[in-house]
Each structure stands twice: as structure tokens, then as C-alpha cells.
Amino acid sequence: MGIVLTLAIAIGAGVLAKLFSLRAKRSAGVMREPTILPYRFLMICCLGVIVIMLVHLLNLAGFHTGS
């Protein structure tokens, strides 16, 4: 996987994390329906993808992050 694709995935995951953060922050009103998707969990998953992509970028740059 190249640098461009890695950056695109990381940026896409960041945008999704921001979207999920905004959706999770909305307060549940009296007449609103319950949330169907677990937005906080999805936000944390996107942040995990960002961390993995950053480690992958470091590996592409020549740094050794594993054993």
C-alpha cells in the first residue's frame, strides 16, 4: 500500500471520526428516536484505524516500529 492510499485512508477515517463525534454529541430529546448506530464505538474504531495508518506511514518512511 502506497503513501497516497495510506494518507487517503487516514484522512477518510478522520472525517468519519469527526462525523461520528458530532452525531454522538447530539443530545437525545424527549421526542427523538433512539440511536441505531453506536456512534462512540464507531468513532473509537476510526481512531484506531488512524493510529494503524500512522504506524504504517512510519514504516514506509523507514522507521522500524515492531520487533
Protein backbone atom coordinates (compact mmCIF):
# COMPACT_ATOMS: atom_id res chain seq x y z
CA MET A 1 0.00 0.00 0.00
CA GLY A 2 1.48 3.32 -1.05
CA ILE A 3 1.80 6.60 0.78
CA VAL A 4 -1.08 8.24 -1.10
CA LEU A 5 -3.52 5.44 -0.30
CA THR A 6 -2.39 5.36 3.32
CA LEU A 7 -2.92 9.10 3.69
CA ALA A 8 -6.31 8.87 1.96
CA ILE A 9 -7.45 6.15 4.37
CA ALA A 10 -6.18 8.11 7.39
CA ILE A 11 -7.90 11.32 6.25
CA GLY A 12 -11.13 9.44 5.46
CA ALA A 13 -11.09 7.83 8.88
CA GLY A 14 -10.52 11.25 10.45
CA VAL A 15 -13.50 12.71 8.61
CA LEU A 16 -15.66 9.77 9.66
CA ALA A 17 -14.46 10.09 13.27
CA LYS A 18 -15.44 13.77 13.27
CA LEU A 19 -18.86 12.93 11.78
CA PHE A 20 -19.45 10.19 14.35
CA SER A 21 -18.32 12.57 17.10
CA LEU A 22 -20.88 15.15 16.02
CA ARG A 23 -23.61 12.52 15.82
CA ALA A 24 -22.74 11.12 19.27
CA LYS A 25 -22.71 14.60 20.80
CA ARG A 26 -26.29 15.36 19.79
CA SER A 27 -28.47 15.16 22.85
CA ALA A 28 -31.39 12.79 22.84
CA GLY A 29 -34.52 14.89 23.15
CA VAL A 30 -37.85 13.82 24.56
CA MET A 31 -39.44 13.12 21.18
CA ARG A 32 -36.36 11.82 19.36
CA GLU A 33 -35.94 8.23 18.36
CA PRO A 34 -33.14 6.17 19.94
CA THR A 35 -29.83 5.99 18.11
CA ILE A 36 -29.47 2.91 15.95
CA LEU A 37 -25.70 3.05 15.49
CA PRO A 38 -23.18 3.06 18.37
CA TYR A 39 -21.51 6.31 17.28
CA ARG A 40 -18.96 6.40 20.10
CA PHE A 41 -17.77 2.88 19.32
CA LEU A 42 -17.51 3.72 15.60
CA MET A 43 -15.54 6.87 16.46
CA ILE A 44 -13.07 4.84 18.53
CA CYS A 45 -12.72 2.32 15.68
CA CYS A 46 -11.91 5.17 13.27
CA LEU A 47 -9.30 6.50 15.67
CA GLY A 48 -7.76 3.01 15.81
CA VAL A 49 -7.57 2.97 12.01
CA ILE A 50 -5.83 6.36 12.11
CA VAL A 51 -3.23 5.04 14.55
CA ILE A 52 -2.61 1.99 12.39
CA MET A 53 -2.20 4.18 9.29
CA LEU A 54 0.25 6.46 11.12
CA VAL A 55 2.34 3.45 12.12
CA HIS A 56 2.20 2.25 8.52
CA LEU A 57 3.40 5.67 7.33
CA LEU A 58 6.32 5.46 9.73
CA ASN A 59 7.17 2.02 8.37
CA LEU A 60 7.04 3.37 4.82
CA ALA A 61 9.37 6.18 5.86
CA GLY A 62 11.94 3.61 7.01
CA PHE A 63 11.43 3.54 10.78
CA HIS A 64 11.05 0.15 12.43
CA THR A 65 8.09 0.15 14.82
CA GLY A 66 7.94 -3.59 15.54
CA SER A 67 10.40 -6.14 16.88
